[in-house]
């Protein structure tokens, strides 16, 4: 049976992603020698709402249905990208991210509606706390300089995007990194 790595996400605007890419480039150039980060290419940046994992191709329609149900309940909204941070903390950073400001409450509502619709169709709820962010990179080793980056760029403004769709993606793991294939683009606020 063919399995697909499926997740749902929203995308930020091209100008916002460019701004995030500029920040990423600044950080890359000021990196400490012992800090090793696997950077996310700007075209692959998105805000993940729900990762379904490996699903059979027959389950893809159920994911699309859950996404349609959730998207129908939320109107398009503005979402600002601002601030730099890390998970879980500066002592042992694993994920370097840009945070989300204005519109984060609406994004959280979309997440809750997606969780409800997914559970209704038989998918397990995510037990982790929803912390919406845009991943810049994954720290492979080291922590030198990360606290300074956050102090220097903690309030960086990466513009506001208009979010008007929910996307169902397949993640294909390649040698050069993940490749994302959109299986469905679902307009927010559209009737089911």
N, C-alpha and C. Protein backbone atom coordinates (compact mmCIF):
# COMPACT_ATOMS: atom_id res chain seq x y z
N UNK A 1 0.84 -1.18 0.00
CA UNK A 1 0.00 0.00 0.00
C UNK A 1 0.89 1.25 0.00
N UNK A 2 0.54 2.22 -0.81
CA UNK A 2 1.27 3.47 -0.88
C UNK A 2 0.91 4.34 0.32
N UNK A 3 1.92 4.89 0.98
CA UNK A 3 1.70 5.80 2.09
C UNK A 3 2.22 7.18 1.74
N UNK A 4 1.50 8.19 2.19
CA UNK A 4 1.86 9.57 1.95
C UNK A 4 2.04 10.28 3.29
N UNK A 5 3.08 11.12 3.40
CA UNK A 5 3.28 11.94 4.60
C UNK A 5 2.46 13.21 4.40
N UNK A 6 1.36 13.34 5.13
CA UNK A 6 0.39 14.42 4.89
C UNK A 6 0.35 15.39 6.06
N UNK A 7 0.23 16.68 5.72
CA UNK A 7 0.02 17.70 6.72
C UNK A 7 -0.80 18.84 6.11
N UNK A 8 -1.38 19.66 6.97
CA UNK A 8 -2.10 20.85 6.51
C UNK A 8 -1.36 22.08 7.01
N UNK A 9 -1.43 23.14 6.22
CA UNK A 9 -0.68 24.35 6.55
C UNK A 9 -1.33 25.57 5.92
N UNK A 10 -0.89 26.73 6.38
CA UNK A 10 -1.20 27.99 5.70
C UNK A 10 0.13 28.59 5.28
N UNK A 11 0.08 29.37 4.22
CA UNK A 11 1.28 30.00 3.69
C UNK A 11 1.24 31.50 3.94
N UNK A 12 2.42 32.07 4.10
CA UNK A 12 2.54 33.52 4.20
C UNK A 12 2.77 34.07 2.79
N UNK A 13 2.58 35.37 2.65
CA UNK A 13 2.73 36.02 1.35
C UNK A 13 4.19 35.99 0.89
N UNK A 14 4.41 36.17 -0.41
CA UNK A 14 5.76 36.21 -0.96
C UNK A 14 6.60 37.33 -0.33
N UNK A 15 6.06 38.57 -0.18
CA UNK A 15 6.87 39.61 0.47
C UNK A 15 7.27 39.24 1.91
N UNK A 16 6.39 38.60 2.63
CA UNK A 16 6.70 38.20 4.00
C UNK A 16 7.78 37.12 4.01
N UNK A 17 7.67 36.15 3.14
CA UNK A 17 8.68 35.09 3.06
C UNK A 17 10.03 35.67 2.64
N UNK A 18 10.01 36.65 1.73
CA UNK A 18 11.28 37.31 1.35
C UNK A 18 11.93 37.97 2.56
N UNK A 19 11.11 38.64 3.35
CA UNK A 19 11.62 39.32 4.55
C UNK A 19 12.20 38.29 5.53
N UNK A 20 11.51 37.18 5.70
CA UNK A 20 12.00 36.10 6.57
C UNK A 20 13.31 35.55 6.00
N UNK A 21 13.38 35.39 4.68
CA UNK A 21 14.59 34.90 4.03
C UNK A 21 15.77 35.85 4.24
N UNK A 22 15.51 37.16 4.24
CA UNK A 22 16.56 38.15 4.51
C UNK A 22 17.08 37.99 5.94
N UNK A 23 16.17 37.80 6.89
CA UNK A 23 16.57 37.57 8.27
C UNK A 23 17.40 36.29 8.37
N UNK A 24 16.94 35.25 7.72
CA UNK A 24 17.67 33.98 7.73
C UNK A 24 19.09 34.16 7.20
N UNK A 25 19.23 34.92 6.12
CA UNK A 25 20.55 35.16 5.54
C UNK A 25 21.46 35.93 6.51
N UNK A 26 20.90 36.92 7.21
CA UNK A 26 21.68 37.66 8.22
C UNK A 26 22.18 36.71 9.31
N UNK A 27 21.31 35.82 9.74
CA UNK A 27 21.68 34.87 10.79
C UNK A 27 22.74 33.90 10.29
N UNK A 28 22.61 33.44 9.07
CA UNK A 28 23.59 32.51 8.50
C UNK A 28 24.97 33.15 8.46
N UNK A 29 25.02 34.43 8.12
CA UNK A 29 26.30 35.12 8.00
C UNK A 29 26.95 35.42 9.35
N UNK A 30 26.15 35.47 10.41
CA UNK A 30 26.70 35.78 11.73
C UNK A 30 26.80 34.56 12.63
N UNK A 31 26.69 33.38 12.05
CA UNK A 31 26.66 32.13 12.81
C UNK A 31 27.99 31.85 13.50
N UNK A 32 27.92 31.39 14.74
CA UNK A 32 29.11 30.98 15.49
C UNK A 32 29.63 29.66 14.90
N UNK A 33 30.96 29.43 14.95
CA UNK A 33 31.54 28.24 14.32
C UNK A 33 31.00 26.91 14.84
N UNK A 34 30.63 26.83 16.13
CA UNK A 34 30.16 25.54 16.65
C UNK A 34 28.66 25.33 16.47
N UNK A 35 27.98 26.30 15.88
CA UNK A 35 26.52 26.21 15.71
C UNK A 35 26.21 25.66 14.31
N UNK A 36 25.60 24.50 14.27
CA UNK A 36 25.26 23.87 13.00
C UNK A 36 23.75 23.81 12.87
N UNK A 37 23.24 24.44 11.82
CA UNK A 37 21.80 24.54 11.59
C UNK A 37 21.47 24.03 10.20
N UNK A 38 20.43 23.23 10.10
CA UNK A 38 19.89 22.82 8.80
C UNK A 38 18.79 23.82 8.49
N UNK A 39 19.06 24.72 7.56
CA UNK A 39 18.16 25.81 7.24
C UNK A 39 17.02 25.35 6.33
N UNK A 40 15.85 25.90 6.55
CA UNK A 40 14.69 25.62 5.70
C UNK A 40 14.75 26.59 4.52
N UNK A 41 14.71 26.09 3.28
CA UNK A 41 14.69 27.00 2.14
C UNK A 41 13.43 27.86 2.19
N UNK A 42 13.54 29.17 1.96
CA UNK A 42 12.35 30.04 2.03
C UNK A 42 11.14 29.53 1.23
N UNK A 43 11.30 28.95 0.03
CA UNK A 43 10.10 28.46 -0.66
C UNK A 43 9.37 27.34 0.08
N UNK A 44 10.05 26.67 1.01
CA UNK A 44 9.42 25.58 1.78
C UNK A 44 8.81 26.05 3.09
N UNK A 45 8.91 27.33 3.41
CA UNK A 45 8.41 27.83 4.69
C UNK A 45 6.88 27.92 4.67
N UNK A 46 6.28 27.46 5.75
CA UNK A 46 4.82 27.46 5.90
C UNK A 46 4.51 27.35 7.39
N UNK A 47 3.27 27.53 7.75
CA UNK A 47 2.84 27.37 9.14
C UNK A 47 2.01 26.08 9.21
N UNK A 48 2.59 25.04 9.79
CA UNK A 48 1.90 23.76 9.89
C UNK A 48 0.79 23.85 10.93
N UNK A 49 -0.39 23.36 10.55
CA UNK A 49 -1.51 23.29 11.50
C UNK A 49 -1.67 21.88 12.06
N UNK A 50 -1.60 20.89 11.17
CA UNK A 50 -1.74 19.51 11.65
C UNK A 50 -0.91 18.59 10.78
N UNK A 51 -0.09 17.79 11.44
CA UNK A 51 0.68 16.76 10.76
C UNK A 51 -0.03 15.44 10.97
N UNK A 52 -0.46 14.82 9.90
CA UNK A 52 -1.20 13.56 9.98
C UNK A 52 -0.27 12.35 9.98
N UNK A 53 0.91 12.52 9.44
CA UNK A 53 1.86 11.42 9.36
C UNK A 53 1.64 10.60 8.10
N UNK A 54 2.08 9.34 8.15
CA UNK A 54 1.96 8.45 7.00
C UNK A 54 0.55 7.90 6.90
N UNK A 55 -0.10 8.24 5.81
CA UNK A 55 -1.48 7.80 5.59
C UNK A 55 -1.58 7.02 4.29
N UNK A 56 -2.53 6.12 4.26
CA UNK A 56 -2.84 5.44 3.01
C UNK A 56 -3.49 6.44 2.07
N UNK A 57 -3.32 6.22 0.78
CA UNK A 57 -3.86 7.15 -0.21
C UNK A 57 -5.39 7.26 -0.07
N UNK A 58 -6.02 6.21 0.43
CA UNK A 58 -7.47 6.23 0.63
C UNK A 58 -7.88 7.20 1.74
N UNK A 59 -6.96 7.54 2.65
CA UNK A 59 -7.27 8.45 3.74
C UNK A 59 -7.12 9.92 3.35
N UNK A 60 -6.51 10.17 2.21
CA UNK A 60 -6.28 11.54 1.76
C UNK A 60 -7.59 12.30 1.59
N UNK A 61 -8.62 11.65 1.07
CA UNK A 61 -9.91 12.33 0.89
C UNK A 61 -10.53 12.73 2.22
N UNK A 62 -10.32 11.91 3.24
CA UNK A 62 -10.84 12.27 4.57
C UNK A 62 -10.13 13.50 5.11
N UNK A 63 -8.82 13.61 4.88
CA UNK A 63 -8.07 14.79 5.32
C UNK A 63 -8.59 16.03 4.58
N UNK A 64 -8.80 15.89 3.28
CA UNK A 64 -9.33 17.01 2.49
C UNK A 64 -10.71 17.42 3.00
N UNK A 65 -11.52 16.44 3.37
CA UNK A 65 -12.85 16.74 3.89
C UNK A 65 -12.76 17.49 5.21
N UNK A 66 -11.87 17.04 6.09
CA UNK A 66 -11.68 17.73 7.37
C UNK A 66 -11.21 19.17 7.12
N UNK A 67 -10.31 19.35 6.18
CA UNK A 67 -9.80 20.69 5.86
C UNK A 67 -10.92 21.56 5.30
N UNK A 68 -11.78 21.01 4.46
CA UNK A 68 -12.91 21.79 3.91
C UNK A 68 -13.85 22.22 5.03
N UNK A 69 -14.14 21.31 5.95
CA UNK A 69 -15.04 21.62 7.07
C UNK A 69 -14.46 22.74 7.95
N UNK A 70 -13.18 22.64 8.25
CA UNK A 70 -12.54 23.66 9.10
C UNK A 70 -12.45 24.99 8.37
N UNK A 71 -12.04 24.98 7.12
CA UNK A 71 -11.86 26.21 6.34
C UNK A 71 -13.17 26.96 6.16
N UNK A 72 -14.26 26.23 6.05
CA UNK A 72 -15.57 26.86 5.84
C UNK A 72 -15.97 27.72 7.03
N UNK A 73 -15.44 27.43 8.21
CA UNK A 73 -15.83 28.12 9.44
C UNK A 73 -14.99 29.35 9.76
N UNK A 74 -13.94 29.59 8.96
CA UNK A 74 -13.02 30.71 9.24
C UNK A 74 -12.87 31.57 8.00
N UNK A 75 -13.05 32.86 8.17
CA UNK A 75 -12.90 33.80 7.05
C UNK A 75 -11.43 34.17 6.85
N UNK A 76 -11.05 34.62 5.66
CA UNK A 76 -9.67 35.07 5.44
C UNK A 76 -9.27 36.11 6.50
N UNK A 77 -7.98 36.12 6.83
CA UNK A 77 -7.50 37.00 7.89
C UNK A 77 -6.06 37.41 7.62
N UNK A 78 -5.62 38.45 8.31
CA UNK A 78 -4.23 38.89 8.24
C UNK A 78 -3.42 38.19 9.31
N UNK A 79 -2.17 37.84 8.98
CA UNK A 79 -1.30 37.15 9.92
C UNK A 79 0.09 37.78 9.82
N UNK A 80 0.54 38.35 10.93
CA UNK A 80 1.86 39.00 10.93
C UNK A 80 2.92 38.03 11.44
N UNK A 81 4.09 38.12 10.82
CA UNK A 81 5.24 37.32 11.24
C UNK A 81 6.20 38.26 11.93
N UNK A 82 6.49 37.98 13.20
CA UNK A 82 7.39 38.87 13.93
C UNK A 82 8.02 38.15 15.11
N UNK A 83 9.24 38.55 15.40
CA UNK A 83 9.95 38.01 16.55
C UNK A 83 10.71 36.74 16.22
N UNK A 84 11.82 36.57 16.87
CA UNK A 84 12.67 35.40 16.68
C UNK A 84 12.70 34.62 17.98
N UNK A 85 12.67 33.30 17.89
CA UNK A 85 12.71 32.47 19.09
C UNK A 85 13.21 31.08 18.78
N UNK A 86 13.28 30.25 19.82
CA UNK A 86 13.73 28.87 19.67
C UNK A 86 12.87 27.96 20.54
N UNK A 87 12.78 26.71 20.12
CA UNK A 87 12.20 25.64 20.94
C UNK A 87 13.33 24.70 21.27
N UNK A 88 13.44 24.11 22.44
CA UNK A 88 12.64 24.43 23.60
C UNK A 88 13.17 25.64 24.37
N UNK A 89 14.46 26.01 24.21
CA UNK A 89 15.02 27.17 24.90
C UNK A 89 16.44 27.44 24.41
N UNK A 90 17.00 28.57 24.80
CA UNK A 90 18.31 28.97 24.29
C UNK A 90 19.45 28.07 24.79
N UNK A 91 19.28 27.37 25.91
CA UNK A 91 20.34 26.50 26.41
C UNK A 91 20.52 25.28 25.51
N UNK A 92 19.43 24.74 25.01
CA UNK A 92 19.48 23.58 24.12
C UNK A 92 18.52 23.81 22.96
N UNK A 93 18.83 24.75 22.08
CA UNK A 93 17.90 25.05 20.99
C UNK A 93 17.82 23.89 20.00
N UNK A 94 16.62 23.63 19.52
CA UNK A 94 16.41 22.60 18.50
C UNK A 94 15.76 23.19 17.25
N UNK A 95 14.83 24.12 17.44
CA UNK A 95 14.13 24.74 16.31
C UNK A 95 14.25 26.25 16.44
N UNK A 96 14.75 26.90 15.39
CA UNK A 96 14.84 28.35 15.32
C UNK A 96 13.64 28.82 14.51
N UNK A 97 12.86 29.79 15.05
CA UNK A 97 11.61 30.15 14.39
C UNK A 97 11.34 31.65 14.42
N UNK A 98 10.44 32.06 13.52
CA UNK A 98 9.85 33.40 13.55
C UNK A 98 8.44 33.20 14.09
N UNK A 99 8.06 34.05 15.03
CA UNK A 99 6.74 33.93 15.66
C UNK A 99 5.65 34.60 14.85
N UNK A 100 4.45 34.46 15.32
CA UNK A 100 3.28 35.04 14.65
C UNK A 100 2.58 35.95 15.64
N UNK A 101 2.20 37.13 15.16
CA UNK A 101 1.56 38.11 16.03
C UNK A 101 0.10 38.29 15.68
N UNK A 102 -0.22 39.44 15.10
CA UNK A 102 -1.60 39.75 14.72
C UNK A 102 -2.17 38.61 13.87
N UNK A 103 -3.35 38.16 14.22
CA UNK A 103 -4.00 37.07 13.50
C UNK A 103 -3.75 35.70 14.10
N UNK A 104 -2.87 35.61 15.10
CA UNK A 104 -2.56 34.32 15.70
C UNK A 104 -3.79 33.69 16.37
N UNK A 105 -4.70 34.55 16.89
CA UNK A 105 -5.92 34.01 17.52
C UNK A 105 -6.81 33.34 16.47
N UNK A 106 -6.91 33.96 15.30
CA UNK A 106 -7.73 33.37 14.23
C UNK A 106 -7.09 32.09 13.73
N UNK A 107 -5.76 32.07 13.65
CA UNK A 107 -5.05 30.86 13.26
C UNK A 107 -5.31 29.74 14.26
N UNK A 108 -5.31 30.08 15.55
CA UNK A 108 -5.60 29.09 16.59
C UNK A 108 -7.03 28.57 16.45
N UNK A 109 -7.95 29.45 16.07
CA UNK A 109 -9.33 28.99 15.83
C UNK A 109 -9.38 28.01 14.66
N UNK A 110 -8.65 28.32 13.59
CA UNK A 110 -8.59 27.41 12.44
C UNK A 110 -8.01 26.07 12.85
N UNK A 111 -6.96 26.11 13.67
CA UNK A 111 -6.36 24.88 14.19
C UNK A 111 -7.39 24.06 14.98
N UNK A 112 -8.13 24.72 15.89
CA UNK A 112 -9.13 24.00 16.71
C UNK A 112 -10.21 23.38 15.83
N UNK A 113 -10.67 24.12 14.86
CA UNK A 113 -11.71 23.60 13.97
C UNK A 113 -11.18 22.42 13.14
N UNK A 114 -9.93 22.50 12.74
CA UNK A 114 -9.32 21.39 12.00
C UNK A 114 -9.17 20.16 12.89
N UNK A 115 -8.76 20.38 14.14
CA UNK A 115 -8.67 19.26 15.10
C UNK A 115 -10.03 18.60 15.29
N UNK A 116 -11.08 19.43 15.46
CA UNK A 116 -12.43 18.89 15.66
C UNK A 116 -12.88 18.10 14.45
N UNK A 117 -12.71 18.67 13.26
CA UNK A 117 -13.15 18.00 12.03
C UNK A 117 -12.35 16.72 11.79
N UNK A 118 -11.07 16.74 12.10
CA UNK A 118 -10.22 15.56 11.91
C UNK A 118 -10.62 14.45 12.87
N UNK A 119 -10.87 14.83 14.13
CA UNK A 119 -11.29 13.83 15.12
C UNK A 119 -12.63 13.22 14.73
N UNK A 120 -13.53 14.04 14.22
CA UNK A 120 -14.85 13.57 13.77
C UNK A 120 -14.71 12.50 12.68
N UNK A 121 -13.65 12.60 11.89
CA UNK A 121 -13.43 11.64 10.80
C UNK A 121 -12.47 10.51 11.19
N UNK A 122 -12.14 10.43 12.49
CA UNK A 122 -11.37 9.29 12.97
C UNK A 122 -9.89 9.51 13.19
N UNK A 123 -9.41 10.72 13.02
CA UNK A 123 -7.98 11.01 13.25
C UNK A 123 -7.77 11.44 14.70
N UNK A 124 -6.65 11.06 15.27
CA UNK A 124 -6.35 11.41 16.66
C UNK A 124 -6.07 12.90 16.80
N UNK A 125 -6.47 13.45 17.93
CA UNK A 125 -6.16 14.85 18.24
C UNK A 125 -4.67 14.96 18.58
N UNK A 126 -4.11 16.10 18.29
CA UNK A 126 -2.73 16.38 18.67
C UNK A 126 -2.73 16.70 20.16
N UNK A 127 -1.87 16.05 20.91
CA UNK A 127 -1.85 16.25 22.36
C UNK A 127 -0.91 17.38 22.78
N UNK A 128 -0.08 17.87 21.85
CA UNK A 128 0.83 18.96 22.18
C UNK A 128 0.11 20.30 22.14
N UNK A 129 0.64 21.27 22.85
CA UNK A 129 0.12 22.63 22.83
C UNK A 129 0.41 23.22 21.45
N UNK A 130 -0.57 23.89 20.86
CA UNK A 130 -0.41 24.51 19.55
C UNK A 130 0.43 25.76 19.70
N UNK A 131 1.61 25.77 19.09
CA UNK A 131 2.51 26.92 19.13
C UNK A 131 2.85 27.31 17.69
N UNK A 132 1.99 28.10 17.08
CA UNK A 132 2.21 28.44 15.66
C UNK A 132 3.48 29.24 15.46
N UNK A 133 4.23 28.86 14.43
CA UNK A 133 5.51 29.50 14.13
C UNK A 133 5.90 29.17 12.70
N UNK A 134 6.92 29.85 12.24
CA UNK A 134 7.49 29.62 10.92
C UNK A 134 8.93 29.15 11.17
N UNK A 135 9.24 27.91 10.84
CA UNK A 135 10.57 27.36 11.11
C UNK A 135 11.61 27.94 10.16
N UNK A 136 12.67 28.52 10.74
CA UNK A 136 13.81 29.01 9.95
C UNK A 136 14.85 27.91 9.75
N UNK A 137 15.04 27.09 10.79
CA UNK A 137 16.04 26.04 10.71
C UNK A 137 15.98 25.15 11.92
N UNK A 138 16.64 24.00 11.79
CA UNK A 138 16.72 23.04 12.89
C UNK A 138 18.17 22.96 13.34
N UNK A 139 18.37 23.19 14.62
CA UNK A 139 19.72 23.21 15.17
C UNK A 139 20.20 21.76 15.31
N UNK A 140 21.30 21.47 14.62
CA UNK A 140 21.88 20.13 14.67
C UNK A 140 22.85 19.99 15.84
N UNK A 141 23.56 21.11 16.12
CA UNK A 141 24.57 21.07 17.19
C UNK A 141 24.91 22.50 17.59
N UNK A 142 25.18 22.68 18.89
CA UNK A 142 25.65 23.95 19.41
C UNK A 142 24.52 24.88 19.85
N UNK A 143 24.94 25.97 20.53
CA UNK A 143 23.98 26.98 20.96
C UNK A 143 24.60 28.37 21.00
N UNK A 144 25.93 28.46 20.74
CA UNK A 144 26.61 29.75 20.81
C UNK A 144 25.98 30.76 19.86
N UNK A 145 25.68 31.91 20.40
CA UNK A 145 25.15 33.00 19.59
C UNK A 145 23.63 33.06 19.51
N UNK A 146 22.94 32.00 19.88
CA UNK A 146 21.49 31.96 19.75
C UNK A 146 20.82 33.00 20.65
N UNK A 147 21.27 33.10 21.90
CA UNK A 147 20.69 34.09 22.81
C UNK A 147 20.90 35.51 22.28
N UNK A 148 22.08 35.75 21.68
CA UNK A 148 22.36 37.07 21.10
C UNK A 148 21.46 37.35 19.90
N UNK A 149 21.22 36.32 19.07
CA UNK A 149 20.31 36.48 17.92
C UNK A 149 18.93 36.91 18.40
N UNK A 150 18.44 36.23 19.42
CA UNK A 150 17.09 36.53 19.92
C UNK A 150 17.05 37.92 20.51
N UNK A 151 18.09 38.31 21.22
CA UNK A 151 18.14 39.67 21.79
C UNK A 151 18.16 40.71 20.68
N UNK A 152 18.90 40.44 19.62
CA UNK A 152 19.04 41.41 18.53
C UNK A 152 17.85 41.44 17.58
N UNK A 153 17.17 40.29 17.41
CA UNK A 153 16.11 40.19 16.42
C UNK A 153 14.76 39.78 17.02
N UNK A 154 14.65 39.83 18.34
CA UNK A 154 13.43 39.37 19.00
C UNK A 154 12.18 40.11 18.60
N UNK A 155 12.33 41.33 18.11
CA UNK A 155 11.17 42.14 17.72
C UNK A 155 11.11 42.37 16.21
N UNK A 156 11.88 41.62 15.43
CA UNK A 156 11.91 41.82 13.98
C UNK A 156 10.50 41.69 13.39
N UNK A 157 10.17 42.56 12.45
CA UNK A 157 8.86 42.56 11.80
C UNK A 157 9.02 42.02 10.39
N UNK A 158 8.39 40.91 10.11
CA UNK A 158 8.48 40.28 8.78
C UNK A 158 7.17 40.42 8.00
N UNK A 159 6.47 41.50 8.24
CA UNK A 159 5.27 41.89 7.49
C UNK A 159 4.03 41.06 7.83
N UNK A 160 2.91 41.53 7.32
CA UNK A 160 1.62 40.86 7.52
C UNK A 160 1.17 40.27 6.20
N UNK A 161 0.69 39.04 6.26
CA UNK A 161 0.20 38.33 5.09
C UNK A 161 -1.30 38.18 5.16
N UNK A 162 -1.92 38.11 4.01
CA UNK A 162 -3.34 37.78 3.94
C UNK A 162 -3.44 36.26 3.79
N UNK A 163 -4.06 35.62 4.75
CA UNK A 163 -4.24 34.17 4.71
C UNK A 163 -5.65 33.90 4.22
N UNK A 164 -5.76 33.27 3.06
CA UNK A 164 -7.08 33.03 2.48
C UNK A 164 -7.32 31.58 2.09
N UNK A 165 -6.36 30.70 2.41
CA UNK A 165 -6.56 29.29 2.08
C UNK A 165 -5.83 28.38 3.06
N UNK A 166 -6.34 27.17 3.14
CA UNK A 166 -5.74 26.08 3.90
C UNK A 166 -5.25 25.07 2.87
N UNK A 167 -4.02 24.60 3.01
CA UNK A 167 -3.44 23.72 2.01
C UNK A 167 -3.17 22.34 2.61
N UNK A 168 -3.56 21.30 1.87
CA UNK A 168 -3.24 19.92 2.24
C UNK A 168 -2.01 19.53 1.43
N UNK A 169 -0.90 19.29 2.14
CA UNK A 169 0.38 18.99 1.50
C UNK A 169 0.79 17.54 1.73
N UNK A 170 1.56 17.04 0.79
CA UNK A 170 2.30 15.80 0.96
C UNK A 170 3.77 16.19 1.08
N UNK A 171 4.45 15.62 2.04
CA UNK A 171 5.88 15.86 2.22
C UNK A 171 6.63 14.65 1.66
N UNK A 172 7.46 14.91 0.66
CA UNK A 172 8.29 13.87 0.07
C UNK A 172 9.73 14.11 0.50
N UNK A 173 10.28 13.16 1.23
CA UNK A 173 11.64 13.31 1.73
C UNK A 173 12.63 12.93 0.63
N UNK A 174 13.52 13.86 0.31
CA UNK A 174 14.53 13.68 -0.72
C UNK A 174 15.91 13.87 -0.09
N UNK A 175 16.94 13.50 -0.80
CA UNK A 175 18.32 13.70 -0.31
C UNK A 175 18.59 15.17 -0.02
N UNK A 176 18.10 16.05 -0.89
CA UNK A 176 18.35 17.49 -0.76
C UNK A 176 17.42 18.16 0.23
N UNK A 177 16.51 17.42 0.82
CA UNK A 177 15.55 17.98 1.77
C UNK A 177 14.13 17.64 1.37
N UNK A 178 13.18 18.14 2.13
CA UNK A 178 11.78 17.84 1.87
C UNK A 178 11.27 18.60 0.65
N UNK A 179 10.40 17.94 -0.07
CA UNK A 179 9.70 18.56 -1.21
C UNK A 179 8.22 18.47 -0.89
N UNK A 180 7.49 19.57 -1.10
CA UNK A 180 6.08 19.60 -0.74
C UNK A 180 5.20 19.66 -1.98
N UNK A 181 4.21 18.79 -2.01
CA UNK A 181 3.27 18.73 -3.11
C UNK A 181 1.88 19.06 -2.56
N UNK A 182 1.26 20.10 -3.11
CA UNK A 182 -0.08 20.50 -2.65
C UNK A 182 -1.12 19.57 -3.29
N UNK A 183 -1.89 18.88 -2.45
CA UNK A 183 -2.97 18.01 -2.94
C UNK A 183 -4.30 18.76 -3.00
N UNK A 184 -4.45 19.81 -2.19
CA UNK A 184 -5.68 20.59 -2.20
C UNK A 184 -5.40 21.97 -1.61
N UNK A 185 -6.01 22.97 -2.24
CA UNK A 185 -5.98 24.35 -1.74
C UNK A 185 -7.43 24.72 -1.50
N UNK A 186 -7.77 24.99 -0.25
CA UNK A 186 -9.16 25.17 0.14
C UNK A 186 -9.35 26.59 0.64
N UNK A 187 -10.21 27.33 -0.03
CA UNK A 187 -10.45 28.73 0.32
C UNK A 187 -11.11 28.83 1.68
N UNK A 188 -10.62 29.76 2.50
CA UNK A 188 -11.26 30.02 3.79
C UNK A 188 -12.60 30.68 3.58
N UNK A 189 -13.57 30.31 4.39
CA UNK A 189 -14.90 30.90 4.32
C UNK A 189 -15.77 30.37 3.21
N UNK A 190 -15.26 29.43 2.41
CA UNK A 190 -16.03 28.86 1.30
C UNK A 190 -17.04 27.85 1.84
N UNK A 191 -18.26 27.86 1.29
CA UNK A 191 -19.23 26.86 1.75
C UNK A 191 -18.77 25.44 1.41
N UNK A 192 -19.18 24.50 2.22
CA UNK A 192 -18.80 23.09 2.01
C UNK A 192 -19.56 22.53 0.81
